[in-house]
């Protein structure tokens, strides 16, 4: 099935109203690790602040769509299937992940590759950015960078709002009962300025 045919299964994306972001703003950089106890304490404070901020922002976007939150996981179940978003937080490390997955009402879950007990397999943020060379976008999102680099945080949230959420929502349309498009199909939604 061609990418354009799969794209037809997705809803017509509304203009997301977000400013376009630079590919450089979400390029991968190494996660920062503390060199001393004092630096660890400072990084731990940043980690906690980012966890609170992102949890609030994610909840504000997903709750009105009917997602129920348990900890750092949001789920929605309808007659067409179920979708799940997980803000995979590290309590001790200094990186986190955005995970999205969906399973159709009549799909047999793959227990071998499942990331959840009910058989949902996750895709990460890089899967939603086909314009970026592989390994060039940060799958592990640095807490320090999310805290200190506003362009990076805005870029990550733009990918989440304009691509991940609409992809999750596509699971709950009758057209997605036949086949759910790959996350890369959301690359049709323009978010990058270059």
N, C-alpha and C. Protein backbone atom coordinates (compact mmCIF):
# COMPACT_ATOMS: atom_id res chain seq x y z
N UNK A 1 0.85 -1.17 0.00
CA UNK A 1 0.00 0.00 0.00
C UNK A 1 0.90 1.24 0.00
N UNK A 2 0.62 2.19 -0.85
CA UNK A 2 1.46 3.38 -0.96
C UNK A 2 1.26 4.31 0.23
N UNK A 3 2.25 5.17 0.45
CA UNK A 3 2.17 6.13 1.54
C UNK A 3 0.97 7.07 1.35
N UNK A 4 0.66 7.40 0.10
CA UNK A 4 -0.46 8.31 -0.16
C UNK A 4 -1.79 7.64 0.13
N UNK A 5 -1.88 6.34 -0.15
CA UNK A 5 -3.11 5.61 0.16
C UNK A 5 -3.29 5.51 1.68
N UNK A 6 -2.17 5.25 2.36
CA UNK A 6 -2.23 5.20 3.82
C UNK A 6 -2.59 6.57 4.40
N UNK A 7 -2.04 7.60 3.79
CA UNK A 7 -2.32 8.95 4.27
C UNK A 7 -3.81 9.26 4.17
N UNK A 8 -4.47 8.67 3.18
CA UNK A 8 -5.91 8.91 3.03
C UNK A 8 -6.69 8.36 4.21
N UNK A 9 -6.12 7.39 4.93
CA UNK A 9 -6.80 6.84 6.10
C UNK A 9 -6.77 7.80 7.27
N UNK A 10 -5.77 8.67 7.29
CA UNK A 10 -5.69 9.64 8.37
C UNK A 10 -6.72 10.73 8.14
N UNK A 11 -7.20 11.33 9.21
CA UNK A 11 -8.13 12.43 9.03
C UNK A 11 -7.44 13.59 8.36
N UNK A 12 -8.21 14.46 7.75
CA UNK A 12 -7.62 15.66 7.17
C UNK A 12 -7.09 16.48 8.36
N UNK A 13 -5.80 16.74 8.34
CA UNK A 13 -5.23 17.46 9.45
C UNK A 13 -5.61 18.92 9.38
N UNK A 14 -6.13 19.45 10.47
CA UNK A 14 -6.38 20.88 10.48
C UNK A 14 -5.06 21.62 10.59
N UNK A 15 -5.06 22.87 10.20
CA UNK A 15 -3.86 23.67 10.40
C UNK A 15 -3.59 23.69 11.90
N UNK A 16 -2.39 23.29 12.29
CA UNK A 16 -2.12 23.16 13.72
C UNK A 16 -1.84 24.50 14.39
N UNK A 17 -1.63 25.52 13.62
CA UNK A 17 -1.46 26.85 14.18
C UNK A 17 -0.17 27.04 14.97
N UNK A 18 0.76 26.11 14.83
CA UNK A 18 2.03 26.22 15.54
C UNK A 18 3.06 26.86 14.63
N UNK A 19 4.00 27.63 15.20
CA UNK A 19 5.07 28.16 14.36
C UNK A 19 5.93 27.01 13.87
N UNK A 20 6.46 27.14 12.65
CA UNK A 20 7.35 26.12 12.13
C UNK A 20 8.65 26.12 12.92
N UNK A 21 9.23 24.94 13.08
CA UNK A 21 10.45 24.81 13.87
C UNK A 21 11.62 24.44 12.96
N UNK A 22 12.80 24.70 13.43
CA UNK A 22 14.02 24.35 12.70
C UNK A 22 14.38 22.90 13.00
N UNK A 23 14.87 22.18 11.98
CA UNK A 23 15.33 20.81 12.22
C UNK A 23 16.47 20.80 13.23
N UNK A 24 17.27 21.86 13.21
CA UNK A 24 18.38 21.95 14.16
C UNK A 24 17.92 22.01 15.60
N UNK A 25 16.69 22.50 15.83
CA UNK A 25 16.22 22.64 17.21
C UNK A 25 15.96 21.29 17.87
N UNK A 26 15.74 20.24 17.08
CA UNK A 26 15.49 18.93 17.71
C UNK A 26 16.54 17.89 17.34
N UNK A 27 17.66 18.36 16.80
CA UNK A 27 18.75 17.41 16.52
C UNK A 27 19.26 16.78 17.81
N UNK A 28 19.73 15.58 17.69
CA UNK A 28 20.22 14.81 18.84
C UNK A 28 21.52 15.40 19.38
N UNK A 29 21.59 15.49 20.68
CA UNK A 29 22.86 15.76 21.36
C UNK A 29 22.95 14.76 22.51
N UNK A 30 24.14 14.55 23.00
CA UNK A 30 24.32 13.58 24.07
C UNK A 30 23.64 14.06 25.35
N UNK A 31 23.08 13.11 26.08
CA UNK A 31 22.47 13.42 27.37
C UNK A 31 23.56 13.83 28.36
N UNK A 32 23.25 14.81 29.16
CA UNK A 32 24.21 15.34 30.13
C UNK A 32 24.11 14.54 31.43
N UNK A 33 25.25 14.14 31.96
CA UNK A 33 25.30 13.41 33.23
C UNK A 33 26.12 14.21 34.23
N UNK A 34 25.76 14.13 35.51
CA UNK A 34 26.46 14.93 36.52
C UNK A 34 27.87 14.42 36.80
N UNK A 35 28.75 15.37 37.13
CA UNK A 35 30.14 15.03 37.44
C UNK A 35 30.39 15.07 38.95
N UNK A 36 29.47 15.68 39.69
CA UNK A 36 29.66 15.80 41.15
C UNK A 36 28.30 15.72 41.84
N UNK A 37 28.32 15.62 43.16
CA UNK A 37 27.07 15.56 43.93
C UNK A 37 26.28 16.85 43.80
N UNK A 38 26.98 17.99 43.77
CA UNK A 38 26.28 19.28 43.63
C UNK A 38 25.61 19.38 42.27
N UNK A 39 26.32 18.92 41.24
CA UNK A 39 25.76 18.96 39.89
C UNK A 39 24.57 18.00 39.79
N UNK A 40 24.66 16.85 40.46
CA UNK A 40 23.55 15.89 40.47
C UNK A 40 22.29 16.53 41.06
N UNK A 41 22.45 17.24 42.18
CA UNK A 41 21.31 17.88 42.83
C UNK A 41 20.67 18.92 41.91
N UNK A 42 21.51 19.71 41.22
CA UNK A 42 20.97 20.73 40.30
C UNK A 42 20.24 20.07 39.13
N UNK A 43 20.81 19.01 38.59
CA UNK A 43 20.16 18.31 37.47
C UNK A 43 18.88 17.62 37.93
N UNK A 44 18.87 17.10 39.14
CA UNK A 44 17.66 16.45 39.67
C UNK A 44 16.53 17.46 39.81
N UNK A 45 16.84 18.69 40.21
CA UNK A 45 15.81 19.74 40.30
C UNK A 45 15.24 20.05 38.92
N UNK A 46 16.12 20.13 37.91
CA UNK A 46 15.65 20.38 36.55
C UNK A 46 14.79 19.23 36.06
N UNK A 47 15.19 18.00 36.36
CA UNK A 47 14.42 16.82 35.95
C UNK A 47 13.01 16.89 36.54
N UNK A 48 12.90 17.21 37.82
CA UNK A 48 11.59 17.28 38.49
C UNK A 48 10.73 18.39 37.88
N UNK A 49 11.34 19.54 37.60
CA UNK A 49 10.59 20.66 37.01
C UNK A 49 10.07 20.30 35.63
N UNK A 50 10.89 19.64 34.81
CA UNK A 50 10.47 19.24 33.46
C UNK A 50 9.36 18.20 33.55
N UNK A 51 9.49 17.24 34.45
CA UNK A 51 8.45 16.21 34.60
C UNK A 51 7.11 16.84 34.94
N UNK A 52 7.10 17.79 35.87
CA UNK A 52 5.85 18.47 36.24
C UNK A 52 5.27 19.26 35.06
N UNK A 53 6.14 20.03 34.40
CA UNK A 53 5.68 20.88 33.30
C UNK A 53 5.12 20.04 32.15
N UNK A 54 5.86 19.04 31.70
CA UNK A 54 5.40 18.24 30.56
C UNK A 54 4.17 17.42 30.90
N UNK A 55 4.09 16.90 32.12
CA UNK A 55 2.90 16.14 32.52
C UNK A 55 1.67 17.05 32.45
N UNK A 56 1.80 18.28 32.93
CA UNK A 56 0.67 19.23 32.85
C UNK A 56 0.28 19.52 31.40
N UNK A 57 1.29 19.80 30.55
CA UNK A 57 1.01 20.12 29.15
C UNK A 57 0.39 18.95 28.40
N UNK A 58 0.94 17.77 28.60
CA UNK A 58 0.41 16.58 27.92
C UNK A 58 -1.01 16.30 28.38
N UNK A 59 -1.24 16.39 29.69
CA UNK A 59 -2.58 16.15 30.22
C UNK A 59 -3.59 17.16 29.68
N UNK A 60 -3.17 18.41 29.57
CA UNK A 60 -4.07 19.46 29.05
C UNK A 60 -4.47 19.19 27.60
N UNK A 61 -3.60 18.52 26.83
CA UNK A 61 -3.92 18.20 25.44
C UNK A 61 -4.73 16.91 25.30
N UNK A 62 -4.42 15.90 26.10
CA UNK A 62 -5.04 14.59 25.91
C UNK A 62 -6.35 14.41 26.68
N UNK A 63 -6.47 15.01 27.85
CA UNK A 63 -7.68 14.82 28.65
C UNK A 63 -8.96 15.27 27.92
N UNK A 64 -8.95 16.43 27.26
CA UNK A 64 -10.17 16.83 26.54
C UNK A 64 -10.54 15.89 25.38
N UNK A 65 -9.58 15.10 24.90
CA UNK A 65 -9.84 14.15 23.82
C UNK A 65 -10.38 12.82 24.34
N UNK A 66 -10.51 12.70 25.65
CA UNK A 66 -11.06 11.48 26.23
C UNK A 66 -10.03 10.49 26.75
N UNK A 67 -8.78 10.91 26.86
CA UNK A 67 -7.75 10.04 27.39
C UNK A 67 -7.79 10.06 28.91
N UNK A 68 -7.63 8.89 29.50
CA UNK A 68 -7.57 8.77 30.95
C UNK A 68 -6.12 8.58 31.36
N UNK A 69 -5.74 9.29 32.39
CA UNK A 69 -4.34 9.26 32.84
C UNK A 69 -4.18 8.36 34.05
N UNK A 70 -3.14 7.53 34.00
CA UNK A 70 -2.69 6.77 35.17
C UNK A 70 -1.18 6.96 35.22
N UNK A 71 -0.73 7.74 36.17
CA UNK A 71 0.70 8.03 36.28
C UNK A 71 1.18 8.81 35.08
N UNK A 72 2.11 8.23 34.33
CA UNK A 72 2.68 8.89 33.16
C UNK A 72 2.18 8.27 31.87
N UNK A 73 1.00 7.65 31.93
CA UNK A 73 0.43 7.00 30.75
C UNK A 73 -1.00 7.48 30.55
N UNK A 74 -1.33 7.79 29.29
CA UNK A 74 -2.67 8.23 28.92
C UNK A 74 -3.24 7.20 27.93
N UNK A 75 -4.48 6.76 28.16
CA UNK A 75 -5.11 5.75 27.31
C UNK A 75 -6.51 6.19 26.90
N UNK A 76 -6.86 5.77 25.69
CA UNK A 76 -8.22 5.99 25.20
C UNK A 76 -8.68 4.70 24.53
N UNK A 77 -9.88 4.26 24.88
CA UNK A 77 -10.44 3.04 24.31
C UNK A 77 -11.79 3.38 23.70
N UNK A 78 -11.97 3.00 22.43
CA UNK A 78 -13.25 3.17 21.74
C UNK A 78 -13.57 1.87 21.01
N UNK A 79 -14.68 1.84 20.30
CA UNK A 79 -15.05 0.67 19.53
C UNK A 79 -14.08 0.35 18.40
N UNK A 80 -13.28 1.33 17.98
CA UNK A 80 -12.31 1.12 16.90
C UNK A 80 -10.98 0.59 17.40
N UNK A 81 -10.71 0.75 18.67
CA UNK A 81 -9.44 0.27 19.21
C UNK A 81 -9.00 1.07 20.41
N UNK A 82 -7.75 0.97 20.68
CA UNK A 82 -7.20 1.71 21.83
C UNK A 82 -5.90 2.39 21.43
N UNK A 83 -5.66 3.51 22.07
CA UNK A 83 -4.41 4.23 21.84
C UNK A 83 -3.81 4.58 23.19
N UNK A 84 -2.50 4.71 23.18
CA UNK A 84 -1.79 4.94 24.43
C UNK A 84 -0.62 5.87 24.17
N UNK A 85 -0.47 6.85 25.05
CA UNK A 85 0.71 7.70 25.03
C UNK A 85 1.37 7.56 26.39
N UNK A 86 2.69 7.39 26.37
CA UNK A 86 3.44 7.26 27.61
C UNK A 86 4.57 8.27 27.63
N UNK A 87 4.62 9.06 28.67
CA UNK A 87 5.76 9.93 28.95
C UNK A 87 6.66 9.09 29.84
N UNK A 88 7.62 8.42 29.23
CA UNK A 88 8.49 7.49 29.95
C UNK A 88 9.55 8.29 30.68
N UNK A 89 9.33 8.46 31.97
CA UNK A 89 10.23 9.27 32.78
C UNK A 89 11.31 8.41 33.40
N UNK A 90 12.47 8.96 33.51
CA UNK A 90 13.53 8.32 34.27
C UNK A 90 13.59 9.03 35.62
N UNK A 91 13.50 8.25 36.68
CA UNK A 91 13.56 8.84 38.02
C UNK A 91 15.00 9.05 38.48
N UNK A 92 15.93 8.33 37.86
CA UNK A 92 17.32 8.39 38.30
C UNK A 92 18.26 8.88 37.20
N UNK A 93 17.92 8.60 35.94
CA UNK A 93 18.73 9.06 34.82
C UNK A 93 18.31 10.46 34.41
N UNK A 94 18.88 10.94 33.31
CA UNK A 94 18.61 12.32 32.91
C UNK A 94 18.06 12.41 31.49
N UNK A 95 17.33 11.36 31.09
CA UNK A 95 16.67 11.36 29.80
C UNK A 95 15.28 10.77 29.93
N UNK A 96 14.36 11.15 29.05
CA UNK A 96 13.00 10.63 29.05
C UNK A 96 12.61 10.33 27.60
N UNK A 97 11.46 9.69 27.41
CA UNK A 97 10.99 9.30 26.08
C UNK A 97 9.52 9.64 25.92
N UNK A 98 9.12 9.96 24.68
CA UNK A 98 7.72 10.07 24.30
C UNK A 98 7.38 8.82 23.50
N UNK A 99 6.46 8.01 23.99
CA UNK A 99 6.06 6.76 23.35
C UNK A 99 4.59 6.82 22.96
N UNK A 100 4.27 6.41 21.74
CA UNK A 100 2.88 6.39 21.27
C UNK A 100 2.60 5.05 20.63
N UNK A 101 1.43 4.50 20.91
CA UNK A 101 1.06 3.23 20.32
C UNK A 101 -0.44 3.10 20.19
N UNK A 102 -0.85 2.27 19.23
CA UNK A 102 -2.28 2.06 19.00
C UNK A 102 -2.51 0.61 18.60
N UNK A 103 -3.69 0.12 18.92
CA UNK A 103 -4.05 -1.25 18.59
C UNK A 103 -5.51 -1.26 18.18
N UNK A 104 -5.80 -1.84 17.02
CA UNK A 104 -7.17 -1.90 16.52
C UNK A 104 -8.03 -2.84 17.33
N UNK A 105 -9.33 -2.63 17.26
CA UNK A 105 -10.27 -3.44 18.03
C UNK A 105 -10.16 -4.93 17.69
N UNK A 106 -9.84 -5.24 16.44
CA UNK A 106 -9.79 -6.64 16.04
C UNK A 106 -8.37 -7.12 15.76
N UNK A 107 -7.37 -6.30 16.08
CA UNK A 107 -5.98 -6.71 15.87
C UNK A 107 -5.54 -7.69 16.95
N UNK A 108 -4.77 -8.65 16.52
CA UNK A 108 -4.17 -9.58 17.48
C UNK A 108 -2.87 -8.96 17.95
N UNK A 109 -2.74 -8.71 19.24
CA UNK A 109 -1.52 -8.06 19.72
C UNK A 109 -0.30 -8.95 19.57
N UNK A 110 0.81 -8.33 19.30
CA UNK A 110 2.08 -9.05 19.19
C UNK A 110 2.72 -9.08 20.57
N UNK A 111 2.63 -10.19 21.23
CA UNK A 111 3.20 -10.32 22.58
C UNK A 111 4.73 -10.26 22.55
N UNK A 112 5.31 -10.66 21.42
CA UNK A 112 6.77 -10.68 21.32
C UNK A 112 7.37 -9.29 21.39
N UNK A 113 6.75 -8.33 20.69
CA UNK A 113 7.32 -6.99 20.60
C UNK A 113 6.49 -5.95 21.36
N UNK A 114 5.54 -6.38 22.15
CA UNK A 114 4.66 -5.45 22.85
C UNK A 114 5.41 -4.71 23.95
N UNK A 115 5.02 -3.45 24.14
CA UNK A 115 5.58 -2.63 25.22
C UNK A 115 4.64 -2.52 26.40
N UNK A 116 3.38 -2.97 26.23
CA UNK A 116 2.41 -2.91 27.31
C UNK A 116 1.81 -4.30 27.51
N UNK A 117 1.19 -4.50 28.64
CA UNK A 117 0.59 -5.80 28.95
C UNK A 117 -0.53 -6.18 27.99
N UNK A 118 -1.22 -5.17 27.44
CA UNK A 118 -2.31 -5.48 26.52
C UNK A 118 -1.87 -5.56 25.07
N UNK A 119 -0.57 -5.53 24.81
CA UNK A 119 -0.06 -5.81 23.47
C UNK A 119 0.21 -4.62 22.57
N UNK A 120 0.22 -3.42 23.11
CA UNK A 120 0.50 -2.24 22.28
C UNK A 120 2.01 -2.11 22.10
N UNK A 121 2.40 -1.87 20.86
CA UNK A 121 3.81 -1.66 20.54
C UNK A 121 4.03 -0.16 20.33
N UNK A 122 5.04 0.39 20.98
CA UNK A 122 5.28 1.83 20.94
C UNK A 122 6.17 2.25 19.78
N UNK A 123 5.88 3.45 19.29
CA UNK A 123 6.77 4.18 18.39
C UNK A 123 7.25 5.38 19.18
N UNK A 124 8.46 5.82 18.89
CA UNK A 124 9.01 6.96 19.60
C UNK A 124 9.02 8.18 18.69
N UNK A 125 9.39 9.30 19.26
CA UNK A 125 9.28 10.58 18.57
C UNK A 125 10.01 10.61 17.22
N UNK A 126 11.15 9.94 17.11
CA UNK A 126 11.90 9.94 15.83
C UNK A 126 11.10 9.29 14.72
N UNK A 127 10.22 8.34 15.06
CA UNK A 127 9.39 7.68 14.04
C UNK A 127 8.41 8.65 13.39
N UNK A 128 8.14 9.75 14.05
CA UNK A 128 7.19 10.74 13.55
C UNK A 128 7.87 11.88 12.80
N UNK A 129 9.16 11.75 12.57
CA UNK A 129 9.93 12.79 11.87
C UNK A 129 10.71 12.17 10.72
N UNK A 130 10.02 11.71 9.66
CA UNK A 130 10.72 11.06 8.55
C UNK A 130 11.65 12.00 7.78
N UNK A 131 11.48 13.30 7.93
CA UNK A 131 12.35 14.25 7.23
C UNK A 131 13.76 14.27 7.81
N UNK A 132 13.89 13.81 9.02
CA UNK A 132 15.18 13.85 9.70
C UNK A 132 15.95 12.57 9.37
N UNK A 133 17.26 12.68 9.13
CA UNK A 133 18.06 11.47 8.94
C UNK A 133 17.97 10.59 10.20
N UNK A 134 17.98 9.27 9.99
CA UNK A 134 17.89 8.38 11.15
C UNK A 134 19.06 8.67 12.09
N UNK A 135 18.82 8.51 13.35
CA UNK A 135 19.79 8.77 14.42
C UNK A 135 20.15 10.25 14.54
N UNK A 136 19.42 11.12 13.86
CA UNK A 136 19.73 12.55 13.95
C UNK A 136 18.77 13.28 14.88
N UNK A 137 17.64 12.63 15.19
CA UNK A 137 16.69 13.23 16.12
C UNK A 137 16.80 12.51 17.45
N UNK A 138 16.61 13.24 18.50
CA UNK A 138 16.76 12.68 19.84
C UNK A 138 15.54 11.84 20.19
N UNK A 139 15.74 10.53 20.32
CA UNK A 139 14.68 9.68 20.87
C UNK A 139 14.70 9.80 22.39
N UNK A 140 15.91 9.77 22.95
CA UNK A 140 16.04 10.03 24.38
C UNK A 140 16.10 11.54 24.54
N UNK A 141 15.13 12.10 25.24
CA UNK A 141 15.03 13.55 25.39
C UNK A 141 15.69 13.95 26.70
N UNK A 142 16.69 14.79 26.59
CA UNK A 142 17.46 15.22 27.76
C UNK A 142 16.63 16.17 28.62
N UNK A 143 16.49 15.84 29.90
CA UNK A 143 15.79 16.74 30.83
C UNK A 143 16.46 18.10 30.88
N UNK A 144 17.77 18.10 30.90
CA UNK A 144 18.51 19.37 30.99
C UNK A 144 18.21 20.22 29.76
N UNK A 145 18.23 19.60 28.60
CA UNK A 145 17.97 20.36 27.37
C UNK A 145 16.51 20.82 27.33
N UNK A 146 15.58 19.98 27.75
CA UNK A 146 14.18 20.38 27.80
C UNK A 146 13.99 21.56 28.75
N UNK A 147 14.77 21.62 29.81
CA UNK A 147 14.69 22.69 30.79
C UNK A 147 15.36 23.97 30.31
N UNK A 148 16.55 23.82 29.72
CA UNK A 148 17.37 24.99 29.39
C UNK A 148 17.21 25.52 27.97
N UNK A 149 16.74 24.69 27.05
CA UNK A 149 16.68 25.06 25.64
C UNK A 149 15.22 25.16 25.20
N UNK A 150 14.69 26.37 25.21
CA UNK A 150 13.27 26.59 24.89
C UNK A 150 12.93 26.12 23.47
N UNK A 151 13.84 26.31 22.52
CA UNK A 151 13.58 25.89 21.14
C UNK A 151 13.45 24.37 21.05
N UNK A 152 14.27 23.65 21.80
CA UNK A 152 14.19 22.19 21.82
C UNK A 152 12.87 21.73 22.42
N UNK A 153 12.50 22.30 23.55
CA UNK A 153 11.24 21.94 24.21
C UNK A 153 10.05 22.26 23.29
N UNK A 154 10.06 23.42 22.66
CA UNK A 154 8.99 23.79 21.73
C UNK A 154 8.94 22.84 20.54
N UNK A 155 10.11 22.44 20.04
CA UNK A 155 10.18 21.51 18.92
C UNK A 155 9.60 20.15 19.27
N UNK A 156 9.96 19.64 20.42
CA UNK A 156 9.44 18.34 20.88
C UNK A 156 7.92 18.42 21.02
N UNK A 157 7.43 19.49 21.63
CA UNK A 157 5.99 19.62 21.82
C UNK A 157 5.26 19.86 20.50
N UNK A 158 5.92 20.48 19.52
CA UNK A 158 5.31 20.64 18.19
C UNK A 158 5.12 19.29 17.52
N UNK A 159 6.14 18.42 17.60
CA UNK A 159 6.01 17.07 17.05
C UNK A 159 4.88 16.34 17.75
N UNK A 160 4.81 16.48 19.06
CA UNK A 160 3.75 15.82 19.83
C UNK A 160 2.37 16.31 19.41
N UNK A 161 2.19 17.63 19.38
CA UNK A 161 0.86 18.20 19.06
C UNK A 161 0.44 17.96 17.61
N UNK A 162 1.36 18.21 16.68
CA UNK A 162 0.99 18.21 15.26
C UNK A 162 1.05 16.83 14.61
N UNK A 163 1.77 15.88 15.23
CA UNK A 163 1.94 14.57 14.57
C UNK A 163 1.55 13.39 15.45
N UNK A 164 2.02 13.35 16.69
CA UNK A 164 1.75 12.19 17.53
C UNK A 164 0.28 12.11 17.93
N UNK A 165 -0.27 13.22 18.40
CA UNK A 165 -1.67 13.21 18.85
C UNK A 165 -2.63 12.91 17.69
N UNK A 166 -2.50 13.55 16.52
CA UNK A 166 -3.40 13.20 15.42
C UNK A 166 -3.25 11.73 14.99
N UNK A 167 -2.04 11.19 15.05
CA UNK A 167 -1.86 9.78 14.71
C UNK A 167 -2.58 8.89 15.71
N UNK A 168 -2.47 9.20 17.00
CA UNK A 168 -3.18 8.43 18.02
C UNK A 168 -4.69 8.54 17.81
N UNK A 169 -5.15 9.72 17.48
CA UNK A 169 -6.59 9.93 17.28
C UNK A 169 -7.11 9.22 16.04
N UNK A 170 -6.24 9.00 15.05
CA UNK A 170 -6.66 8.29 13.83
C UNK A 170 -7.13 6.88 14.16
N UNK A 171 -6.63 6.28 15.22
CA UNK A 171 -7.04 4.94 15.62
C UNK A 171 -8.53 4.88 15.92
N UNK A 172 -9.13 5.98 16.28
CA UNK A 172 -10.52 5.99 16.73
C UNK A 172 -11.50 6.40 15.64
N UNK A 173 -11.05 6.28 14.38
CA UNK A 173 -11.92 6.53 13.24
C UNK A 173 -12.17 5.21 12.52
N UNK A 174 -13.35 5.05 11.98
CA UNK A 174 -13.71 3.79 11.32
C UNK A 174 -12.75 3.42 10.20
N UNK A 175 -12.21 4.43 9.50
CA UNK A 175 -11.29 4.13 8.39
C UNK A 175 -10.02 3.43 8.87
N UNK A 176 -9.66 3.61 10.13
CA UNK A 176 -8.44 2.99 10.65
C UNK A 176 -8.67 1.53 11.07
N UNK A 177 -9.92 1.06 10.98
CA UNK A 177 -10.17 -0.34 11.30
C UNK A 177 -9.47 -1.26 10.31
N UNK A 178 -9.36 -0.81 9.06
CA UNK A 178 -8.70 -1.63 8.03
C UNK A 178 -7.20 -1.69 8.22
N UNK A 179 -6.58 -0.55 8.34
CA UNK A 179 -5.12 -0.50 8.51
C UNK A 179 -4.73 0.84 9.10
N UNK A 180 -3.93 0.79 10.12
CA UNK A 180 -3.43 2.01 10.74
C UNK A 180 -2.14 2.41 10.02
N UNK A 181 -2.05 3.64 9.53
CA UNK A 181 -0.82 4.06 8.85
C UNK A 181 0.38 4.08 9.78
N UNK A 182 1.55 3.97 9.21
CA UNK A 182 2.78 4.07 9.99
C UNK A 182 2.92 5.51 10.51
N UNK A 183 3.62 5.68 11.63
CA UNK A 183 3.81 7.03 12.16
C UNK A 183 4.44 7.99 11.14
N UNK A 184 5.28 7.47 10.25
CA UNK A 184 5.96 8.35 9.29
C UNK A 184 5.00 9.05 8.34
N UNK A 185 3.77 8.51 8.18
CA UNK A 185 2.78 9.16 7.31
C UNK A 185 2.43 10.54 7.84
N UNK A 186 2.58 10.74 9.15
CA UNK A 186 2.29 12.06 9.70
C UNK A 186 3.29 13.10 9.24
N UNK A 187 4.35 12.66 8.54
CA UNK A 187 5.31 13.60 7.96
C UNK A 187 4.68 14.49 6.92
N UNK A 188 3.46 14.17 6.50
CA UNK A 188 2.74 15.03 5.56
C UNK A 188 2.32 16.34 6.21
N UNK A 189 2.30 16.36 7.54
CA UNK A 189 1.97 17.59 8.26
C UNK A 189 3.24 18.41 8.40
N UNK A 190 3.26 19.58 7.84
CA UNK A 190 4.48 20.39 7.83
C UNK A 190 4.69 21.04 9.19
N UNK A 191 5.84 20.76 9.77
CA UNK A 191 6.21 21.41 11.03
C UNK A 191 7.60 22.04 10.97
N UNK A 192 8.38 21.65 9.96
CA UNK A 192 9.76 22.15 9.88
C UNK A 192 9.88 23.31 8.90
N UNK A 193 10.70 24.31 9.26
CA UNK A 193 10.89 25.47 8.41
C UNK A 193 11.93 25.20 7.32
N UNK A 194 12.81 24.23 7.55
CA UNK A 194 13.85 23.94 6.55
C UNK A 194 13.94 22.47 6.25
